Amino acid sequence: MAEDRGLWQNDPWRGARARAEGAFSHFRNGTRGLLLPLFTWPLLFDVVVEVVRGNTRGLVAAGLGILLPILAVRTLRRGRRGDTRRAAVLTAVATGLVAGMGANTGVPIALLLAAGAWLGTRLMYDGAQVEVDPPAPAAPPPPPGPLEEARARLARISAEPRMAGIAQAMDAVLDDLDARPDRLPLARRFLAVHLDGLERIAQRLHAGAEPPASLPQLLADMQTAADELRTKLRAEESVALDIQVKVLAERLRQEGYA
């Protein structure tokens, strides 16, 4: 018994068989469902016959008998969970319509043939491929925050070389706000007014407008305002820290630790 197991493990053809089985499995998955339309080839001739006869009902039945199996093939090859059942239903509907509307077999016979087509499709393709759940929809990207939008606008302003100084000052303001986002409400109106104005000026300069003589002074004033805002924000941080230190010192005294 052990010798037989050793011979099987040392079988030189085992790798070749595994490759052949993998190739066959790949071929089977690649041709999954392609047999279904082959069963409908007589309907191609029936379409011509029904057109010549002017039989609208038969033409509709033959057309659906061709199109529904093609849709079933597309469903099968998608490989999602439940696709085999859906393809079997489509095949059954196609068979029932062709039998009932096209061949006039009557409702009982049409239902019986449809049931046979459903069962045959299930027997042929159930378990032939692992069906997976459809991929979950990708989560939408989060909307840009106020600072991200401000930085994007500032990047467009910085593209104008003559506005490099004010752009650096505004970038420093954004860095301070990025470090303390809770201070953003204090600077929201400042950012809106300054960025709107600077963006319009940058657009005009980029379009070839000649800068007026007052522009350098305006940019210098705006840069000074940006520096003053940073000073104000830092002063408020210092006040908040001073209050925090006093509160902590008072609590330590109350607890007897100081």
Protein backbone atom coordinates (compact mmCIF):
# COMPACT_ATOMS: atom_id res chain seq x y z
CA MET A 1 0.00 0.00 0.00
CA ALA A 2 2.80 2.39 0.95
CA GLU A 3 4.68 1.37 -2.22
CA ASP A 4 1.62 2.16 -4.36
CA ARG A 5 1.29 5.54 -2.69
CA GLY A 6 4.95 6.27 -3.36
CA LEU A 7 4.60 5.29 -7.02
CA TRP A 8 1.61 7.62 -7.36
CA GLN A 9 3.47 10.51 -5.74
CA ASN A 10 6.46 9.94 -8.07
CA ASP A 11 4.26 9.62 -11.16
CA PRO A 12 6.08 11.57 -13.93
CA TRP A 13 2.78 12.20 -15.77
CA ARG A 14 1.06 13.85 -12.81
CA GLY A 15 2.15 17.38 -13.79
CA ALA A 16 1.12 16.82 -17.40
CA ARG A 17 -2.30 15.57 -16.32
CA ALA A 18 -2.76 18.56 -14.02
CA ARG A 19 -1.91 20.94 -16.87
CA ALA A 20 -4.29 19.10 -19.21
CA GLU A 21 -7.08 19.25 -16.64
CA GLY A 22 -6.44 22.97 -16.10
CA ALA A 23 -6.51 23.62 -19.85
CA PHE A 24 -9.75 21.66 -20.22
CA SER A 25 -11.32 23.54 -17.31
CA HIS A 26 -10.26 26.85 -18.86
CA PHE A 27 -11.71 25.76 -22.22
CA ARG A 28 -14.96 24.63 -20.59
CA ASN A 29 -15.35 27.93 -18.75
CA GLY A 30 -14.53 29.85 -21.93
CA THR A 31 -17.21 28.01 -23.93
CA ARG A 32 -19.79 28.08 -21.14
CA GLY A 33 -23.30 28.37 -22.58
CA LEU A 34 -22.29 28.44 -26.25
CA LEU A 35 -24.23 25.24 -26.94
CA LEU A 36 -27.57 26.90 -26.25
CA PRO A 37 -27.74 28.95 -29.48
CA LEU A 38 -26.74 25.88 -31.51
CA PHE A 39 -30.01 24.26 -30.57
CA THR A 40 -31.90 27.11 -32.24
CA TRP A 41 -30.30 26.94 -35.70
CA PRO A 42 -33.47 25.53 -37.40
CA LEU A 43 -35.25 28.73 -36.38
CA LEU A 44 -33.04 30.70 -38.79
CA PHE A 45 -34.72 28.93 -41.69
CA ASP A 46 -38.09 29.30 -40.00
CA VAL A 47 -37.62 33.08 -39.90
CA VAL A 48 -37.29 33.11 -43.70
CA VAL A 49 -40.32 30.87 -44.09
CA GLU A 50 -42.46 32.99 -41.77
CA VAL A 51 -41.45 36.18 -43.60
CA VAL A 52 -42.44 34.64 -46.94
CA ARG A 53 -45.73 33.40 -45.50
CA GLY A 54 -46.41 36.71 -43.79
CA ASN A 55 -47.05 34.97 -40.47
CA THR A 56 -46.33 37.65 -37.89
CA ARG A 57 -47.01 35.38 -34.93
CA GLY A 58 -44.62 32.71 -36.15
CA LEU A 59 -41.99 35.33 -36.97
CA VAL A 60 -42.18 36.78 -33.44
CA ALA A 61 -41.95 33.28 -31.94
CA ALA A 62 -38.91 32.40 -34.07
CA GLY A 63 -37.23 35.72 -33.29
CA LEU A 64 -37.72 35.31 -29.55
CA GLY A 65 -36.59 31.70 -29.81
CA ILE A 66 -33.28 32.96 -31.20
CA LEU A 67 -32.76 36.06 -29.07
CA LEU A 68 -33.68 34.63 -25.66
CA PRO A 69 -31.08 31.82 -25.78
CA ILE A 70 -28.45 34.37 -26.80
CA LEU A 71 -29.45 36.42 -23.76
CA ALA A 72 -29.24 33.22 -21.68
CA VAL A 73 -25.68 32.67 -22.92
CA ARG A 74 -24.73 36.19 -21.93
CA THR A 75 -26.23 35.60 -18.49
CA LEU A 76 -24.41 32.29 -18.05
CA ARG A 77 -21.03 33.69 -19.04
CA ARG A 78 -21.34 36.52 -16.55
CA GLY A 79 -20.84 33.94 -13.80
CA ARG A 80 -22.70 35.70 -11.00
CA ARG A 81 -24.66 33.96 -8.32
CA GLY A 82 -28.05 32.79 -9.63
CA ASP A 83 -27.16 33.26 -13.32
CA THR A 84 -27.65 29.57 -14.09
CA ARG A 85 -31.23 29.74 -12.79
CA ARG A 86 -31.89 32.89 -14.80
CA ALA A 87 -30.46 31.34 -17.96
CA ALA A 88 -32.59 28.24 -17.45
CA VAL A 89 -35.72 30.38 -17.16
CA LEU A 90 -34.84 32.28 -20.35
CA THR A 91 -34.29 29.02 -22.21
CA ALA A 92 -37.58 27.64 -20.93
CA VAL A 93 -39.47 30.77 -22.00
CA ALA A 94 -37.89 30.61 -25.47
CA THR A 95 -38.83 26.95 -25.85
CA GLY A 96 -42.39 27.50 -24.66
CA LEU A 97 -42.94 30.44 -27.02
CA VAL A 98 -41.57 28.57 -30.02
CA ALA A 99 -43.68 25.52 -29.23
CA GLY A 100 -46.88 27.37 -28.34
CA MET A 101 -46.84 30.34 -30.72
CA GLY A 102 -44.76 28.98 -33.57
CA ALA A 103 -45.63 25.28 -33.72
CA ASN A 104 -49.17 25.60 -32.22
CA THR A 105 -48.63 22.57 -30.01
CA GLY A 106 -51.08 23.76 -27.39
CA VAL A 107 -50.47 25.03 -23.90
CA PRO A 108 -49.88 21.67 -22.12
CA ILE A 109 -47.27 20.50 -24.63
CA ALA A 110 -45.61 23.93 -24.69
CA LEU A 111 -45.36 23.94 -20.89
CA LEU A 112 -43.98 20.41 -20.90
CA LEU A 113 -41.30 21.32 -23.45
CA ALA A 114 -40.45 24.48 -21.52
CA ALA A 115 -40.02 22.44 -18.34
CA GLY A 116 -37.74 20.04 -20.18
CA ALA A 117 -35.63 22.92 -21.49
CA TRP A 118 -35.38 24.39 -17.98
CA LEU A 119 -34.35 21.04 -16.50
CA GLY A 120 -31.85 20.35 -19.28
CA THR A 121 -30.18 23.72 -18.83
CA ARG A 122 -29.93 23.20 -15.08
CA LEU A 123 -28.48 19.71 -15.49
CA MET A 124 -25.98 20.91 -18.07
CA TYR A 125 -24.67 24.01 -16.28
CA ASP A 126 -25.39 23.69 -12.55
CA GLY A 127 -22.03 23.50 -10.78
CA ALA A 128 -20.03 23.83 -14.01
CA GLN A 129 -18.59 27.10 -12.78
CA VAL A 130 -18.32 28.73 -9.39
CA GLU A 131 -20.76 31.62 -9.33
CA VAL A 132 -19.85 34.66 -7.30
CA ASP A 133 -21.77 37.58 -5.90
CA PRO A 134 -21.74 40.75 -8.00
CA PRO A 135 -19.03 43.18 -6.94
CA ALA A 136 -20.11 45.77 -4.45
CA PRO A 137 -20.44 49.25 -5.93
CA ALA A 138 -17.44 51.43 -5.31
CA ALA A 139 -17.91 53.94 -2.54
CA PRO A 140 -18.13 57.48 -3.89
CA PRO A 141 -15.09 59.61 -3.11
CA PRO A 142 -15.59 61.93 -0.16
CA PRO A 143 -16.41 65.49 -1.13
CA PRO A 144 -13.48 67.87 -0.92
CA GLY A 145 -13.23 69.74 2.34
CA PRO A 146 -13.08 73.53 2.52
CA LEU A 147 -9.29 73.52 2.85
CA GLU A 148 -8.83 71.17 -0.12
CA GLU A 149 -10.99 73.43 -2.27
CA ALA A 150 -9.07 76.49 -1.06
CA ARG A 151 -5.73 74.84 -1.89
CA ALA A 152 -6.96 73.95 -5.37
CA ARG A 153 -7.95 77.57 -5.99
CA LEU A 154 -4.65 78.78 -4.54
CA ALA A 155 -2.76 76.48 -6.90
CA ARG A 156 -4.42 78.20 -9.85
CA ILE A 157 -3.50 81.59 -8.38
CA SER A 158 0.13 80.50 -7.84
CA ALA A 159 0.45 79.74 -11.55
CA GLU A 160 0.70 83.50 -12.10
CA PRO A 161 4.33 84.46 -11.20
CA ARG A 162 3.42 88.05 -10.27
CA MET A 163 1.24 86.74 -7.43
CA ALA A 164 3.81 84.46 -5.84
CA GLY A 165 4.18 86.57 -2.67
CA ILE A 166 0.49 86.69 -1.76
CA ALA A 167 0.12 83.03 -2.75
CA GLN A 168 2.84 82.04 -0.24
CA ALA A 169 1.19 84.13 2.47
CA MET A 170 -2.21 82.52 1.81
CA ASP A 171 -0.59 79.07 1.77
CA ALA A 172 0.85 79.77 5.23
CA VAL A 173 -2.65 80.69 6.44
CA LEU A 174 -3.99 77.39 5.09
CA ASP A 175 -1.18 75.50 6.85
CA ASP A 176 -2.17 77.10 10.17
CA LEU A 177 -5.84 76.25 9.59
CA ASP A 178 -4.92 72.72 8.59
CA ALA A 179 -3.16 72.29 11.94
CA ARG A 180 -6.20 73.66 13.83
CA PRO A 181 -9.37 73.07 11.76
CA ASP A 182 -11.51 74.38 14.62
CA ARG A 183 -10.24 77.88 13.76
CA LEU A 184 -11.63 77.65 10.23
CA PRO A 185 -14.92 79.50 11.03
CA LEU A 186 -12.85 82.53 12.07
CA ALA A 187 -11.12 82.65 8.67
CA ARG A 188 -13.89 81.42 6.36
CA ARG A 189 -14.99 84.89 5.20
CA PHE A 190 -11.36 86.02 4.90
CA LEU A 191 -10.58 83.08 2.62
CA ALA A 192 -13.69 83.58 0.51
CA VAL A 193 -13.05 87.30 -0.11
CA HIS A 194 -9.31 87.00 -0.72
CA LEU A 195 -9.43 83.87 -2.89
CA ASP A 196 -12.30 85.21 -5.01
CA GLY A 197 -10.46 88.45 -5.66
CA LEU A 198 -7.08 86.85 -6.27
CA GLU A 199 -8.57 84.25 -8.60
CA ARG A 200 -10.22 86.91 -10.75
CA ILE A 201 -7.00 88.95 -10.88
CA ALA A 202 -4.97 85.86 -11.86
CA GLN A 203 -7.43 85.04 -14.64
CA ARG A 204 -7.19 88.56 -16.08
CA LEU A 205 -3.39 88.54 -15.92
CA HIS A 206 -3.26 85.12 -17.55
CA ALA A 207 -5.53 86.41 -20.34
CA GLY A 208 -2.96 89.14 -21.10
CA ALA A 209 -4.35 92.13 -19.22
CA GLU A 210 -1.88 94.85 -18.30
CA PRO A 211 -1.65 95.17 -14.49
CA PRO A 212 -2.57 98.63 -13.17
CA ALA A 213 -0.09 100.63 -11.11
CA SER A 214 -2.12 100.01 -7.94
CA LEU A 215 -1.90 96.22 -8.21
CA PRO A 216 1.44 95.75 -6.35
CA GLN A 217 0.17 97.83 -3.42
CA LEU A 218 -3.10 95.88 -3.34
CA LEU A 219 -1.23 92.57 -3.26
CA ALA A 220 1.06 93.90 -0.51
CA ASP A 221 -1.98 94.96 1.54
CA MET A 222 -3.56 91.55 1.09
CA GLN A 223 -0.31 89.87 2.11
CA THR A 224 -0.21 92.05 5.24
CA ALA A 225 -3.81 91.09 6.02
CA ALA A 226 -2.88 87.40 5.68
CA ASP A 227 0.03 87.86 8.08
CA GLU A 228 -2.22 89.70 10.53
CA LEU A 229 -4.76 86.89 10.38
CA ARG A 230 -2.06 84.37 11.24
CA THR A 231 -0.99 86.56 14.14
CA LYS A 232 -4.58 86.80 15.34
CA LEU A 233 -5.10 83.05 15.12
CA ARG A 234 -1.90 82.35 17.03
CA ALA A 235 -2.82 84.95 19.65
CA GLU A 236 -6.13 83.20 20.18
CA GLU A 237 -4.27 79.91 20.51
CA SER A 238 -2.04 81.52 23.15
CA VAL A 239 -5.08 82.80 25.04
CA ALA A 240 -6.73 79.38 24.86
CA LEU A 241 -3.53 77.77 26.15
CA ASP A 242 -3.28 80.28 28.99
CA ILE A 243 -6.87 79.54 30.02
CA GLN A 244 -6.20 75.81 29.86
CA VAL A 245 -3.11 76.18 32.05
CA LYS A 246 -5.03 78.19 34.64
CA VAL A 247 -7.90 75.68 34.70
CA LEU A 248 -5.51 72.77 35.11
CA ALA A 249 -3.56 74.55 37.87
CA GLU A 250 -6.78 75.34 39.73
CA ARG A 251 -7.94 71.75 39.50
CA LEU A 252 -4.61 70.45 40.76
CA ARG A 253 -4.90 72.78 43.78
CA GLN A 254 -8.44 71.60 44.43
CA GLU A 255 -7.34 67.97 44.32
CA GLY A 256 -4.41 68.67 46.61
CA TYR A 257 -1.70 67.90 44.09
CA ALA A 258 -0.24 71.41 44.04
